[in-house]
Amino acid sequence: ARETIKILASLDIVDVAQGRRVVVRPRDEWDYLSPQLLEWLPDE
């Protein structure tokens, strides 16, 4: 679970906020140049 959150954070999908709360970042800020993220996104 910890490694999962690290992966999501490395792609700018989530932030681990104060108090260990995990929040979703705005979609415009995700790392769309990552081949890993590209593979997970829907075709549209």
PDB file of all heavy atoms in Angstrom:
ATOM      1  N   ALA A   1       0.831  -1.210   0.000  1.00  0.00           N
ATOM      2  CA  ALA A   1       0.000   0.000   0.000  1.00  0.00           C
ATOM      3  C   ALA A   1       0.864   1.259   0.000  1.00  0.00           C
ATOM      4  O   ALA A   1       0.591   2.225  -0.720  1.00  0.00           O
ATOM      5  CB  ALA A   1      -0.926  -0.006   1.212  1.00  0.00           C
ATOM      6  N   ARG A   2       1.937   1.237   0.804  1.00  0.00           N
ATOM      7  CA  ARG A   2       2.843   2.401   0.865  1.00  0.00           C
ATOM      8  C   ARG A   2       3.520   2.639  -0.482  1.00  0.00           C
ATOM      9  O   ARG A   2       3.628   3.772  -0.949  1.00  0.00           O
ATOM     10  CB  ARG A   2       3.868   2.170   1.975  1.00  0.00           C
ATOM     11  CG  ARG A   2       4.680   3.405   2.329  1.00  0.00           C
ATOM     12  CD  ARG A   2       5.527   3.168   3.566  1.00  0.00           C
ATOM     13  NE  ARG A   2       4.708   2.738   4.694  1.00  0.00           N
ATOM     14  CZ  ARG A   2       4.817   1.573   5.323  1.00  0.00           C
ATOM     15  NH1 ARG A   2       5.725   0.688   4.927  1.00  0.00           N
ATOM     16  NH2 ARG A   2       4.036   1.265   6.333  1.00  0.00           N
ATOM     17  N   GLU A   3       3.968   1.559  -1.120  1.00  0.00           N
ATOM     18  CA  GLU A   3       4.617   1.687  -2.429  1.00  0.00           C
ATOM     19  C   GLU A   3       3.621   2.166  -3.485  1.00  0.00           C
ATOM     20  O   GLU A   3       3.979   2.926  -4.394  1.00  0.00           O
ATOM     21  CB  GLU A   3       5.233   0.348  -2.847  1.00  0.00           C
ATOM     22  CG  GLU A   3       6.484  -0.017  -2.080  1.00  0.00           C
ATOM     23  CD  GLU A   3       7.580   1.033  -2.233  1.00  0.00           C
ATOM     24  OE1 GLU A   3       7.857   1.456  -3.374  1.00  0.00           O
ATOM     25  OE2 GLU A   3       8.134   1.447  -1.191  1.00  0.00           O
ATOM     26  N   THR A   4       2.377   1.720  -3.368  1.00  0.00           N
ATOM     27  CA  THR A   4       1.336   2.169  -4.299  1.00  0.00           C
ATOM     28  C   THR A   4       1.167   3.681  -4.228  1.00  0.00           C
ATOM     29  O   THR A   4       1.109   4.366  -5.259  1.00  0.00           O
ATOM     30  CB  THR A   4       0.001   1.476  -3.972  1.00  0.00           C
ATOM     31  OG1 THR A   4       0.142   0.068  -4.172  1.00  0.00           O
ATOM     32  CG2 THR A   4      -1.119   2.015  -4.833  1.00  0.00           C
ATOM     33  N   ILE A   5       1.084   4.195  -3.019  1.00  0.00           N
ATOM     34  CA  ILE A   5       0.914   5.639  -2.852  1.00  0.00           C
ATOM     35  C   ILE A   5       2.141   6.387  -3.371  1.00  0.00           C
ATOM     36  O   ILE A   5       2.022   7.455  -3.986  1.00  0.00           O
ATOM     37  CB  ILE A   5       0.620   5.978  -1.375  1.00  0.00           C
ATOM     38  CG1 ILE A   5      -0.753   5.449  -0.986  1.00  0.00           C
ATOM     39  CG2 ILE A   5       0.696   7.483  -1.133  1.00  0.00           C
ATOM     40  CD1 ILE A   5      -1.075   5.551   0.484  1.00  0.00           C
ATOM     41  N   LYS A   6       3.328   5.828  -3.166  1.00  0.00           N
ATOM     42  CA  LYS A   6       4.544   6.458  -3.699  1.00  0.00           C
ATOM     43  C   LYS A   6       4.503   6.539  -5.217  1.00  0.00           C
ATOM     44  O   LYS A   6       4.910   7.541  -5.817  1.00  0.00           O
ATOM     45  CB  LYS A   6       5.784   5.681  -3.246  1.00  0.00           C
ATOM     46  CG  LYS A   6       6.168   5.893  -1.795  1.00  0.00           C
ATOM     47  CD  LYS A   6       7.439   5.110  -1.459  1.00  0.00           C
ATOM     48  CE  LYS A   6       7.852   5.292  -0.012  1.00  0.00           C
ATOM     49  NZ  LYS A   6       9.064   4.490   0.318  1.00  0.00           N
ATOM     50  N   ILE A   7       4.020   5.480  -5.867  1.00  0.00           N
ATOM     51  CA  ILE A   7       3.914   5.483  -7.330  1.00  0.00           C
ATOM     52  C   ILE A   7       2.942   6.566  -7.782  1.00  0.00           C
ATOM     53  O   ILE A   7       3.237   7.355  -8.698  1.00  0.00           O
ATOM     54  CB  ILE A   7       3.458   4.099  -7.836  1.00  0.00           C
ATOM     55  CG1 ILE A   7       4.559   3.061  -7.612  1.00  0.00           C
ATOM     56  CG2 ILE A   7       3.083   4.169  -9.319  1.00  0.00           C
ATOM     57  CD1 ILE A   7       4.106   1.625  -7.850  1.00  0.00           C
ATOM     58  N   LEU A   8       1.790   6.637  -7.148  1.00  0.00           N
ATOM     59  CA  LEU A   8       0.799   7.648  -7.514  1.00  0.00           C
ATOM     60  C   LEU A   8       1.341   9.057  -7.282  1.00  0.00           C
ATOM     61  O   LEU A   8       1.108   9.964  -8.091  1.00  0.00           O
ATOM     62  CB  LEU A   8      -0.493   7.433  -6.723  1.00  0.00           C
ATOM     63  CG  LEU A   8      -1.258   6.139  -7.028  1.00  0.00           C
ATOM     64  CD1 LEU A   8      -2.456   6.012  -6.092  1.00  0.00           C
ATOM     65  CD2 LEU A   8      -1.712   6.101  -8.477  1.00  0.00           C
ATOM     66  N   ALA A   9       2.074   9.242  -6.190  1.00  0.00           N
ATOM     67  CA  ALA A   9       2.654  10.556  -5.905  1.00  0.00           C
ATOM     68  C   ALA A   9       3.727  10.913  -6.931  1.00  0.00           C
ATOM     69  O   ALA A   9       3.854  12.071  -7.343  1.00  0.00           O
ATOM     70  CB  ALA A   9       3.234  10.575  -4.495  1.00  0.00           C
ATOM     71  N   SER A  10       4.508   9.912  -7.375  1.00  0.00           N
ATOM     72  CA  SER A  10       5.567  10.181  -8.352  1.00  0.00           C
ATOM     73  C   SER A  10       5.002  10.613  -9.694  1.00  0.00           C
ATOM     74  O   SER A  10       5.674  11.287 -10.480  1.00  0.00           O
ATOM     75  CB  SER A  10       6.444   8.943  -8.535  1.00  0.00           C
ATOM     76  OG  SER A  10       5.777   7.932  -9.276  1.00  0.00           O
ATOM     77  N   LEU A  11       3.758  10.252  -9.972  1.00  0.00           N
ATOM     78  CA  LEU A  11       3.081  10.638 -11.204  1.00  0.00           C
ATOM     79  C   LEU A  11       2.224  11.886 -11.015  1.00  0.00           C
ATOM     80  O   LEU A  11       1.483  12.272 -11.925  1.00  0.00           O
ATOM     81  CB  LEU A  11       2.206   9.485 -11.705  1.00  0.00           C
ATOM     82  CG  LEU A  11       2.958   8.208 -12.089  1.00  0.00           C
ATOM     83  CD1 LEU A  11       1.986   7.074 -12.362  1.00  0.00           C
ATOM     84  CD2 LEU A  11       3.843   8.444 -13.295  1.00  0.00           C
ATOM     85  N   ASP A  12       2.339  12.508  -9.843  1.00  0.00           N
ATOM     86  CA  ASP A  12       1.587  13.726  -9.514  1.00  0.00           C
ATOM     87  C   ASP A  12       0.081  13.502  -9.514  1.00  0.00           C
ATOM     88  O   ASP A  12      -0.693  14.443  -9.704  1.00  0.00           O
ATOM     89  CB  ASP A  12       1.944  14.877 -10.478  1.00  0.00           C
ATOM     90  CG  ASP A  12       3.402  15.280 -10.381  1.00  0.00           C
ATOM     91  OD1 ASP A  12       3.948  15.224  -9.273  1.00  0.00           O
ATOM     92  OD2 ASP A  12       4.002  15.638 -11.417  1.00  0.00           O
ATOM     93  N   ILE A  13      -0.333  12.268  -9.271  1.00  0.00           N
ATOM     94  CA  ILE A  13      -1.759  11.962  -9.196  1.00  0.00           C
ATOM     95  C   ILE A  13      -2.305  12.271  -7.809  1.00  0.00           C
ATOM     96  O   ILE A  13      -3.442  12.737  -7.665  1.00  0.00           O
ATOM     97  CB  ILE A  13      -2.015  10.487  -9.565  1.00  0.00           C
ATOM     98  CG1 ILE A  13      -1.590  10.232 -11.020  1.00  0.00           C
ATOM     99  CG2 ILE A  13      -3.479  10.107  -9.361  1.00  0.00           C
ATOM    100  CD1 ILE A  13      -1.623   8.765 -11.418  1.00  0.00           C
ATOM    101  N   VAL A  14      -1.498  12.019  -6.771  1.00  0.00           N
ATOM    102  CA  VAL A  14      -1.926  12.303  -5.397  1.00  0.00           C
ATOM    103  C   VAL A  14      -0.822  13.053  -4.656  1.00  0.00           C
ATOM    104  O   VAL A  14       0.341  13.038  -5.057  1.00  0.00           O
ATOM    105  CB  VAL A  14      -2.274  11.009  -4.619  1.00  0.00           C
ATOM    106  CG1 VAL A  14      -3.351  10.217  -5.330  1.00  0.00           C
ATOM    107  CG2 VAL A  14      -1.031  10.158  -4.380  1.00  0.00           C
ATOM    108  N   ASP A  15      -1.231  13.696  -3.595  1.00  0.00           N
ATOM    109  CA  ASP A  15      -0.318  14.277  -2.619  1.00  0.00           C
ATOM    110  C   ASP A  15      -0.607  13.632  -1.268  1.00  0.00           C
ATOM    111  O   ASP A  15      -1.784  13.342  -0.951  1.00  0.00           O
ATOM    112  CB  ASP A  15      -0.532  15.786  -2.481  1.00  0.00           C
ATOM    113  CG  ASP A  15       0.350  16.579  -3.420  1.00  0.00           C
ATOM    114  OD1 ASP A  15       1.423  16.074  -3.795  1.00  0.00           O
ATOM    115  OD2 ASP A  15      -0.046  17.703  -3.784  1.00  0.00           O
ATOM    116  N   VAL A  16       0.437  13.420  -0.497  1.00  0.00           N
ATOM    117  CA  VAL A  16       0.248  12.968   0.872  1.00  0.00           C
ATOM    118  C   VAL A  16       0.300  14.204   1.752  1.00  0.00           C
ATOM    119  O   VAL A  16       1.368  14.779   1.977  1.00  0.00           O
ATOM    120  CB  VAL A  16       1.318  11.943   1.288  1.00  0.00           C
ATOM    121  CG1 VAL A  16       1.053  11.464   2.709  1.00  0.00           C
ATOM    122  CG2 VAL A  16       1.337  10.769   0.325  1.00  0.00           C
ATOM    123  N   ALA A  17      -0.866  14.644   2.188  1.00  0.00           N
ATOM    124  CA  ALA A  17      -0.975  15.892   2.934  1.00  0.00           C
ATOM    125  C   ALA A  17      -0.609  15.683   4.395  1.00  0.00           C
ATOM    126  O   ALA A  17      -0.364  14.559   4.852  1.00  0.00           O
ATOM    127  CB  ALA A  17      -2.393  16.445   2.808  1.00  0.00           C
ATOM    128  N   GLN A  18      -0.591  16.784   5.122  1.00  0.00           N
ATOM    129  CA  GLN A  18      -0.263  16.741   6.548  1.00  0.00           C
ATOM    130  C   GLN A  18      -1.229  15.803   7.272  1.00  0.00           C
ATOM    131  O   GLN A  18      -2.421  15.781   6.998  1.00  0.00           O
ATOM    132  CB  GLN A  18      -0.372  18.143   7.137  1.00  0.00           C
ATOM    133  CG  GLN A  18       0.176  18.251   8.551  1.00  0.00           C
ATOM    134  CD  GLN A  18       0.197  19.694   9.027  1.00  0.00           C
ATOM    135  OE1 GLN A  18      -0.419  20.552   8.435  1.00  0.00           O
ATOM    136  NE2 GLN A  18       0.916  19.950  10.104  1.00  0.00           N
ATOM    137  N   GLY A  19      -0.697  14.994   8.170  1.00  0.00           N
ATOM    138  CA  GLY A  19      -1.513  14.025   8.878  1.00  0.00           C
ATOM    139  C   GLY A  19      -1.711  12.748   8.088  1.00  0.00           C
ATOM    140  O   GLY A  19      -2.569  11.938   8.425  1.00  0.00           O
ATOM    141  N   ARG A  20      -0.892  12.567   7.005  1.00  0.00           N
ATOM    142  CA  ARG A  20      -0.899  11.354   6.176  1.00  0.00           C
ATOM    143  C   ARG A  20      -2.175  11.202   5.374  1.00  0.00           C
ATOM    144  O   ARG A  20      -2.496  10.126   4.877  1.00  0.00           O
ATOM    145  CB  ARG A  20      -0.693  10.093   7.031  1.00  0.00           C
ATOM    146  CG  ARG A  20       0.496  10.137   7.964  1.00  0.00           C
ATOM    147  CD  ARG A  20       1.789  10.250   7.197  1.00  0.00           C
ATOM    148  NE  ARG A  20       2.078   9.070   6.409  1.00  0.00           N
ATOM    149  CZ  ARG A  20       3.078   8.968   5.538  1.00  0.00           C
ATOM    150  NH1 ARG A  20       3.850  10.015   5.330  1.00  0.00           N
ATOM    151  NH2 ARG A  20       3.279   7.856   4.878  1.00  0.00           N
ATOM    152  N   ARG A  21      -2.941  12.273   5.202  1.00  0.00           N
ATOM    153  CA  ARG A  21      -4.149  12.201   4.385  1.00  0.00           C
ATOM    154  C   ARG A  21      -3.743  12.247   2.909  1.00  0.00           C
ATOM    155  O   ARG A  21      -2.965  13.109   2.493  1.00  0.00           O
ATOM    156  CB  ARG A  21      -5.083  13.370   4.717  1.00  0.00           C
ATOM    157  CG  ARG A  21      -6.421  13.328   4.011  1.00  0.00           C
ATOM    158  CD  ARG A  21      -7.350  14.400   4.582  1.00  0.00           C
ATOM    159  NE  ARG A  21      -8.663  14.354   3.937  1.00  0.00           N
ATOM    160  CZ  ARG A  21      -8.981  15.072   2.873  1.00  0.00           C
ATOM    161  NH1 ARG A  21      -8.088  15.891   2.342  1.00  0.00           N
ATOM    162  NH2 ARG A  21     -10.199  14.990   2.346  1.00  0.00           N
ATOM    163  N   VAL A  22      -4.258  11.319   2.110  1.00  0.00           N
ATOM    164  CA  VAL A  22      -3.910  11.238   0.690  1.00  0.00           C
ATOM    165  C   VAL A  22      -4.996  11.934  -0.124  1.00  0.00           C
ATOM    166  O   VAL A  22      -6.173  11.563  -0.040  1.00  0.00           O
ATOM    167  CB  VAL A  22      -3.771   9.766   0.241  1.00  0.00           C
ATOM    168  CG1 VAL A  22      -3.287   9.711  -1.204  1.00  0.00           C
ATOM    169  CG2 VAL A  22      -2.817   9.017   1.156  1.00  0.00           C
ATOM    170  N   VAL A  23      -4.601  12.950  -0.873  1.00  0.00           N
ATOM    171  CA  VAL A  23      -5.577  13.720  -1.650  1.00  0.00           C
ATOM    172  C   VAL A  23      -5.245  13.631  -3.134  1.00  0.00           C
ATOM    173  O   VAL A  23      -4.082  13.540  -3.528  1.00  0.00           O
ATOM    174  CB  VAL A  23      -5.612  15.198  -1.202  1.00  0.00           C
ATOM    175  CG1 VAL A  23      -6.092  15.316   0.229  1.00  0.00           C
ATOM    176  CG2 VAL A  23      -4.243  15.851  -1.356  1.00  0.00           C
ATOM    177  N   VAL A  24      -6.283  13.665  -3.951  1.00  0.00           N
ATOM    178  CA  VAL A  24      -6.122  13.615  -5.403  1.00  0.00           C
ATOM    179  C   VAL A  24      -5.748  15.002  -5.914  1.00  0.00           C
ATOM    180  O   VAL A  24      -6.396  15.995  -5.577  1.00  0.00           O
ATOM    181  CB  VAL A  24      -7.422  13.133  -6.076  1.00  0.00           C
ATOM    182  CG1 VAL A  24      -7.266  13.129  -7.595  1.00  0.00           C
ATOM    183  CG2 VAL A  24      -7.802  11.747  -5.571  1.00  0.00           C
ATOM    184  N   ARG A  25      -4.708  15.066  -6.727  1.00  0.00           N
ATOM    185  CA  ARG A  25      -4.301  16.332  -7.334  1.00  0.00           C
ATOM    186  C   ARG A  25      -5.185  16.643  -8.550  1.00  0.00           C
ATOM    187  O   ARG A  25      -5.756  15.734  -9.164  1.00  0.00           O
ATOM    188  CB  ARG A  25      -2.837  16.258  -7.790  1.00  0.00           C
ATOM    189  CG  ARG A  25      -1.845  16.229  -6.637  1.00  0.00           C
ATOM    190  CD  ARG A  25      -0.457  15.944  -7.167  1.00  0.00           C
ATOM    191  NE  ARG A  25      -0.012  16.953  -8.122  1.00  0.00           N
ATOM    192  CZ  ARG A  25       0.757  17.997  -7.815  1.00  0.00           C
ATOM    193  NH1 ARG A  25       1.172  18.149  -6.572  1.00  0.00           N
ATOM    194  NH2 ARG A  25       1.123  18.858  -8.729  1.00  0.00           N
ATOM    195  N   PRO A  26      -5.281  17.918  -8.916  1.00  0.00           N
ATOM    196  CA  PRO A  26      -6.040  18.264 -10.136  1.00  0.00           C
ATOM    197  C   PRO A  26      -5.499  17.520 -11.349  1.00  0.00           C
ATOM    198  O   PRO A  26      -4.289  17.369 -11.511  1.00  0.00           O
ATOM    199  CB  PRO A  26      -5.815  19.775 -10.272  1.00  0.00           C
ATOM    200  CG  PRO A  26      -5.484  20.247  -8.882  1.00  0.00           C
ATOM    201  CD  PRO A  26      -4.749  19.111  -8.240  1.00  0.00           C
ATOM    202  N   ARG A  27      -6.373  17.062 -12.211  1.00  0.00           N
ATOM    203  CA  ARG A  27      -5.941  16.254 -13.356  1.00  0.00           C
ATOM    204  C   ARG A  27      -4.967  16.994 -14.279  1.00  0.00           C
ATOM    205  O   ARG A  27      -4.130  16.373 -14.913  1.00  0.00           O
ATOM    206  CB  ARG A  27      -7.161  15.807 -14.174  1.00  0.00           C
ATOM    207  CG  ARG A  27      -7.916  14.678 -13.539  1.00  0.00           C
ATOM    208  CD  ARG A  27      -8.724  13.969 -14.614  1.00  0.00           C
ATOM    209  NE  ARG A  27      -9.907  13.344 -14.045  1.00  0.00           N
ATOM    210  CZ  ARG A  27     -10.812  12.712 -14.767  1.00  0.00           C
ATOM    211  NH1 ARG A  27     -10.688  12.651 -16.074  1.00  0.00           N
ATOM    212  NH2 ARG A  27     -11.847  12.152 -14.195  1.00  0.00           N
ATOM    213  N   ASP A  28      -5.121  18.299 -14.378  1.00  0.00           N
ATOM    214  CA  ASP A  28      -4.229  19.071 -15.256  1.00  0.00           C
ATOM    215  C   ASP A  28      -2.778  18.990 -14.803  1.00  0.00           C
ATOM    216  O   ASP A  28      -1.874  19.319 -15.585  1.00  0.00           O
ATOM    217  CB  ASP A  28      -4.657  20.546 -15.308  1.00  0.00           C
ATOM    218  CG  ASP A  28      -5.951  20.741 -16.085  1.00  0.00           C
ATOM    219  OD1 ASP A  28      -6.383  19.791 -16.764  1.00  0.00           O
ATOM    220  OD2 ASP A  28      -6.518  21.852 -16.014  1.00  0.00           O
ATOM    221  N   GLU A  29      -2.538  18.587 -13.559  1.00  0.00           N
ATOM    222  CA  GLU A  29      -1.180  18.563 -13.013  1.00  0.00           C
ATOM    223  C   GLU A  29      -0.539  17.172 -13.053  1.00  0.00           C
ATOM    224  O   GLU A  29       0.594  17.003 -12.611  1.00  0.00           O
ATOM    225  CB  GLU A  29      -1.201  19.082 -11.569  1.00  0.00           C
ATOM    226  CG  GLU A  29      -1.688  20.528 -11.463  1.00  0.00           C
ATOM    227  CD  GLU A  29      -1.800  21.010 -10.021  1.00  0.00           C
ATOM    228  OE1 GLU A  29      -1.451  20.230  -9.097  1.00  0.00           O
ATOM    229  OE2 GLU A  29      -2.253  22.153  -9.819  1.00  0.00           O
ATOM    230  N   TRP A  30      -1.227  16.182 -13.590  1.00  0.00           N
ATOM    231  CA  TRP A  30      -0.658  14.835 -13.627  1.00  0.00           C
ATOM    232  C   TRP A  30       0.496  14.773 -14.626  1.00  0.00           C
ATOM    233  O   TRP A  30       0.588  15.593 -15.557  1.00  0.00           O
ATOM    234  CB  TRP A  30      -1.724  13.821 -14.027  1.00  0.00           C
ATOM    235  CG  TRP A  30      -2.819  13.651 -13.001  1.00  0.00           C
ATOM    236  CD1 TRP A  30      -3.013  14.374 -11.853  1.00  0.00           C
ATOM    237  CD2 TRP A  30      -3.898  12.713 -13.060  1.00  0.00           C
ATOM    238  NE1 TRP A  30      -4.125  13.939 -11.186  1.00  0.00           N
ATOM    239  CE2 TRP A  30      -4.696  12.922 -11.905  1.00  0.00           C
ATOM    240  CE3 TRP A  30      -4.259  11.726 -13.954  1.00  0.00           C
ATOM    241  CZ2 TRP A  30      -5.838  12.167 -11.640  1.00  0.00           C
ATOM    242  CZ3 TRP A  30      -5.394  10.967 -13.711  1.00  0.00           C
ATOM    243  CH2 TRP A  30      -6.172  11.196 -12.553  1.00  0.00           C
ATOM    244  N   ASP A  31       1.363  13.790 -14.454  1.00  0.00           N
ATOM    245  CA  ASP A  31       2.540  13.648 -15.316  1.00  0.00           C
ATOM    246  C   ASP A  31       2.168  12.871 -16.582  1.00  0.00           C
ATOM    247  O   ASP A  31       2.402  11.667 -16.686  1.00  0.00           O
ATOM    248  CB  ASP A  31       3.667  12.933 -14.563  1.00  0.00           C
ATOM    249  CG  ASP A  31       4.927  12.806 -15.405  1.00  0.00           C
ATOM    250  OD1 ASP A  31       4.984  13.411 -16.493  1.00  0.00           O
ATOM    251  OD2 ASP A  31       5.855  12.095 -14.978  1.00  0.00           O
ATOM    252  N   TYR A  32       1.618  13.600 -17.551  1.00  0.00           N
ATOM    253  CA  TYR A  32       1.146  12.950 -18.768  1.00  0.00           C
ATOM    254  C   TYR A  32       2.279  12.535 -19.704  1.00  0.00           C
ATOM    255  O   TYR A  32       2.013  11.908 -20.733  1.00  0.00           O
ATOM    256  CB  TYR A  32       0.164  13.863 -19.496  1.00  0.00           C
ATOM    257  CG  TYR A  32      -1.126  14.046 -18.740  1.00  0.00           C
ATOM    258  CD1 TYR A  32      -1.451  15.265 -18.158  1.00  0.00           C
ATOM    259  CD2 TYR A  32      -2.013  12.982 -18.591  1.00  0.00           C
ATOM    260  CE1 TYR A  32      -2.639  15.422 -17.452  1.00  0.00           C
ATOM    261  CE2 TYR A  32      -3.200  13.133 -17.890  1.00  0.00           C
ATOM    262  CZ  TYR A  32      -3.507  14.355 -17.321  1.00  0.00           C
ATOM    263  OH  TYR A  32      -4.670  14.501 -16.611  1.00  0.00           O
ATOM    264  N   LEU A  33       3.505  12.849 -19.379  1.00  0.00           N
ATOM    265  CA  LEU A  33       4.624  12.389 -20.185  1.00  0.00           C
ATOM    266  C   LEU A  33       5.128  11.017 -19.726  1.00  0.00           C
ATOM    267  O   LEU A  33       6.046  10.469 -20.339  1.00  0.00           O
ATOM    268  CB  LEU A  33       5.772  13.403 -20.144  1.00  0.00           C
ATOM    269  CG  LEU A  33       5.459  14.772 -20.756  1.00  0.00           C
ATOM    270  CD1 LEU A  33       6.674  15.681 -20.673  1.00  0.00           C
ATOM    271  CD2 LEU A  33       5.021  14.627 -22.205  1.00  0.00           C
ATOM    272  N   SER A  34       4.540  10.478 -18.676  1.00  0.00           N
ATOM    273  CA  SER A  34       4.953   9.169 -18.174  1.00  0.00           C
ATOM    274  C   SER A  34       4.331   8.055 -19.009  1.00  0.00           C
ATOM    275  O   SER A  34       3.101   8.007 -19.168  1.00  0.00           O
ATOM    276  CB  SER A  34       4.532   8.997 -16.714  1.00  0.00           C
ATOM    277  OG  SER A  34       4.599   7.633 -16.339  1.00  0.00           O
ATOM    278  N   PRO A  35       5.139   7.130 -19.532  1.00  0.00           N
ATOM    279  CA  PRO A  35       4.561   6.004 -20.279  1.00  0.00           C
ATOM    280  C   PRO A  35       3.687   5.119 -19.395  1.00  0.00           C
ATOM    281  O   PRO A  35       2.739   4.502 -19.872  1.00  0.00           O
ATOM    282  CB  PRO A  35       5.786   5.247 -20.790  1.00  0.00           C
ATOM    283  CG  PRO A  35       6.905   5.633 -19.867  1.00  0.00           C
ATOM    284  CD  PRO A  35       6.608   7.047 -19.462  1.00  0.00           C
ATOM    285  N   GLN A  36       4.006   5.064 -18.109  1.00  0.00           N
ATOM    286  CA  GLN A  36       3.213   4.249 -17.193  1.00  0.00           C
ATOM    287  C   GLN A  36       1.802   4.805 -17.066  1.00  0.00           C
ATOM    288  O   GLN A  36       0.819   4.069 -17.188  1.00  0.00           O
ATOM    289  CB  GLN A  36       3.902   4.213 -15.828  1.00  0.00           C
ATOM    290  CG  GLN A  36       3.346   3.183 -14.881  1.00  0.00           C
ATOM    291  CD  GLN A  36       4.257   3.010 -13.674  1.00  0.00           C
ATOM    292  OE1 GLN A  36       4.550   3.958 -12.950  1.00  0.00           O
ATOM    293  NE2 GLN A  36       4.728   1.794 -13.465  1.00  0.00           N
ATOM    294  N   LEU A  37       1.688   6.114 -16.865  1.00  0.00           N
ATOM    295  CA  LEU A  37       0.370   6.719 -16.745  1.00  0.00           C
ATOM    296  C   LEU A  37      -0.399   6.592 -18.054  1.00  0.00           C
ATOM    297  O   LEU A  37      -1.599   6.293 -18.060  1.00  0.00           O
ATOM    298  CB  LEU A  37       0.502   8.195 -16.349  1.00  0.00           C
ATOM    299  CG  LEU A  37      -0.802   8.993 -16.265  1.00  0.00           C
ATOM    300  CD1 LEU A  37      -1.777   8.339 -15.294  1.00  0.00           C
ATOM    301  CD2 LEU A  37      -0.513  10.430 -15.841  1.00  0.00           C
ATOM    302  N   LEU A  38       0.276   6.799 -19.162  1.00  0.00           N
ATOM    303  CA  LEU A  38      -0.376   6.704 -20.467  1.00  0.00           C
ATOM    304  C   LEU A  38      -1.050   5.347 -20.647  1.00  0.00           C
ATOM    305  O   LEU A  38      -2.146   5.237 -21.194  1.00  0.00           O
ATOM    306  CB  LEU A  38       0.659   6.937 -21.568  1.00  0.00           C
ATOM    307  CG  LEU A  38       0.132   7.008 -22.999  1.00  0.00           C
ATOM    308  CD1 LEU A  38      -0.745   8.237 -23.183  1.00  0.00           C
ATOM    309  CD2 LEU A  38       1.294   7.033 -23.983  1.00  0.00           C
ATOM    310  N   GLU A  39      -0.408   4.304 -20.160  1.00  0.00           N
ATOM    311  CA  GLU A  39      -0.935   2.942 -20.294  1.00  0.00           C
ATOM    312  C   GLU A  39      -2.206   2.743 -19.480  1.00  0.00           C
ATOM    313  O   GLU A  39      -3.055   1.919 -19.833  1.00  0.00           O
ATOM    314  CB  GLU A  39       0.138   1.951 -19.843  1.00  0.00           C
ATOM    315  CG  GLU A  39      -0.218   0.494 -20.031  1.00  0.00           C
ATOM    316  CD  GLU A  39       0.872  -0.424 -19.497  1.00  0.00           C
ATOM    317  OE1 GLU A  39       2.026   0.026 -19.375  1.00  0.00           O
ATOM    318  OE2 GLU A  39       0.554  -1.573 -19.181  1.00  0.00           O
ATOM    319  N   TRP A  40      -2.369   3.498 -18.389  1.00  0.00           N
ATOM    320  CA  TRP A  40      -3.503   3.292 -17.498  1.00  0.00           C
ATOM    321  C   TRP A  40      -4.735   4.101 -17.877  1.00  0.00           C
ATOM    322  O   TRP A  40      -5.823   3.844 -17.367  1.00  0.00           O
ATOM    323  CB  TRP A  40      -3.123   3.673 -16.071  1.00  0.00           C
ATOM    324  CG  TRP A  40      -1.986   2.888 -15.500  1.00  0.00           C
ATOM    325  CD1 TRP A  40      -1.478   1.703 -15.969  1.00  0.00           C
ATOM    326  CD2 TRP A  40      -1.215   3.220 -14.343  1.00  0.00           C
ATOM    327  NE1 TRP A  40      -0.434   1.289 -15.187  1.00  0.00           N
ATOM    328  CE2 TRP A  40      -0.240   2.208 -14.181  1.00  0.00           C
ATOM    329  CE3 TRP A  40      -1.232   4.286 -13.448  1.00  0.00           C
ATOM    330  CZ2 TRP A  40       0.695   2.232 -13.142  1.00  0.00           C
ATOM    331  CZ3 TRP A  40      -0.314   4.313 -12.415  1.00  0.00           C
ATOM    332  CH2 TRP A  40       0.641   3.295 -12.266  1.00  0.00           C
ATOM    333  N   LEU A  41      -4.583   5.100 -18.717  1.00  0.00           N
ATOM    334  CA  LEU A  41      -5.680   6.022 -18.997  1.00  0.00           C
ATOM    335  C   LEU A  41      -6.641   5.439 -20.031  1.00  0.00           C
ATOM    336  O   LEU A  41      -6.240   4.681 -20.907  1.00  0.00           O
ATOM    337  CB  LEU A  41      -5.119   7.358 -19.505  1.00  0.00           C
ATOM    338  CG  LEU A  41      -4.248   8.138 -18.526  1.00  0.00           C
ATOM    339  CD1 LEU A  41      -3.681   9.379 -19.195  1.00  0.00           C
ATOM    340  CD2 LEU A  41      -5.030   8.514 -17.263  1.00  0.00           C
ATOM    341  N   PRO A  42      -7.909   5.818 -19.952  1.00  0.00           N
ATOM    342  CA  PRO A  42      -8.876   5.340 -20.954  1.00  0.00           C
ATOM    343  C   PRO A  42      -8.570   5.930 -22.330  1.00  0.00           C
ATOM    344  O   PRO A  42      -7.977   7.005 -22.445  1.00  0.00           O
ATOM    345  CB  PRO A  42     -10.220   5.843 -20.409  1.00  0.00           C
ATOM    346  CG  PRO A  42      -9.877   7.000 -19.530  1.00  0.00           C
ATOM    347  CD  PRO A  42      -8.530   6.690 -18.944  1.00  0.00           C
ATOM    348  N   ASP A  43      -8.996   5.226 -23.370  1.00  0.00           N
ATOM    349  CA  ASP A  43      -8.657   5.627 -24.734  1.00  0.00           C
ATOM    350  C   ASP A  43      -9.118   7.046 -25.060  1.00  0.00           C
ATOM    351  O   ASP A  43      -8.409   7.791 -25.741  1.00  0.00           O
ATOM    352  CB  ASP A  43      -9.281   4.649 -25.739  1.00  0.00           C
ATOM    353  CG  ASP A  43      -8.506   3.342 -25.819  1.00  0.00           C
ATOM    354  OD1 ASP A  43      -7.394   3.274 -25.267  1.00  0.00           O
ATOM    355  OD2 ASP A  43      -9.013   2.394 -26.446  1.00  0.00           O
ATOM    356  N   GLU A  44     -10.297   7.435 -24.581  1.00  0.00           N
ATOM    357  CA  GLU A  44     -10.794   8.763 -24.932  1.00  0.00           C
ATOM    358  C   GLU A  44      -9.904   9.869 -24.364  1.00  0.00           C
ATOM    359  O   GLU A  44      -9.715  10.917 -24.996  1.00  0.00           O
ATOM    360  CB  GLU A  44     -12.244   8.956 -24.486  1.00  0.00           C
ATOM    361  CG  GLU A  44     -12.492   8.826 -22.987  1.00  0.00           C
ATOM    362  CD  GLU A  44     -12.812   7.396 -22.559  1.00  0.00           C
ATOM    363  OE1 GLU A  44     -12.498   6.459 -23.306  1.00  0.00           O
ATOM    364  OE2 GLU A  44     -13.368   7.242 -21.449  1.00  0.00           O
TER     365      GLU A  44
END
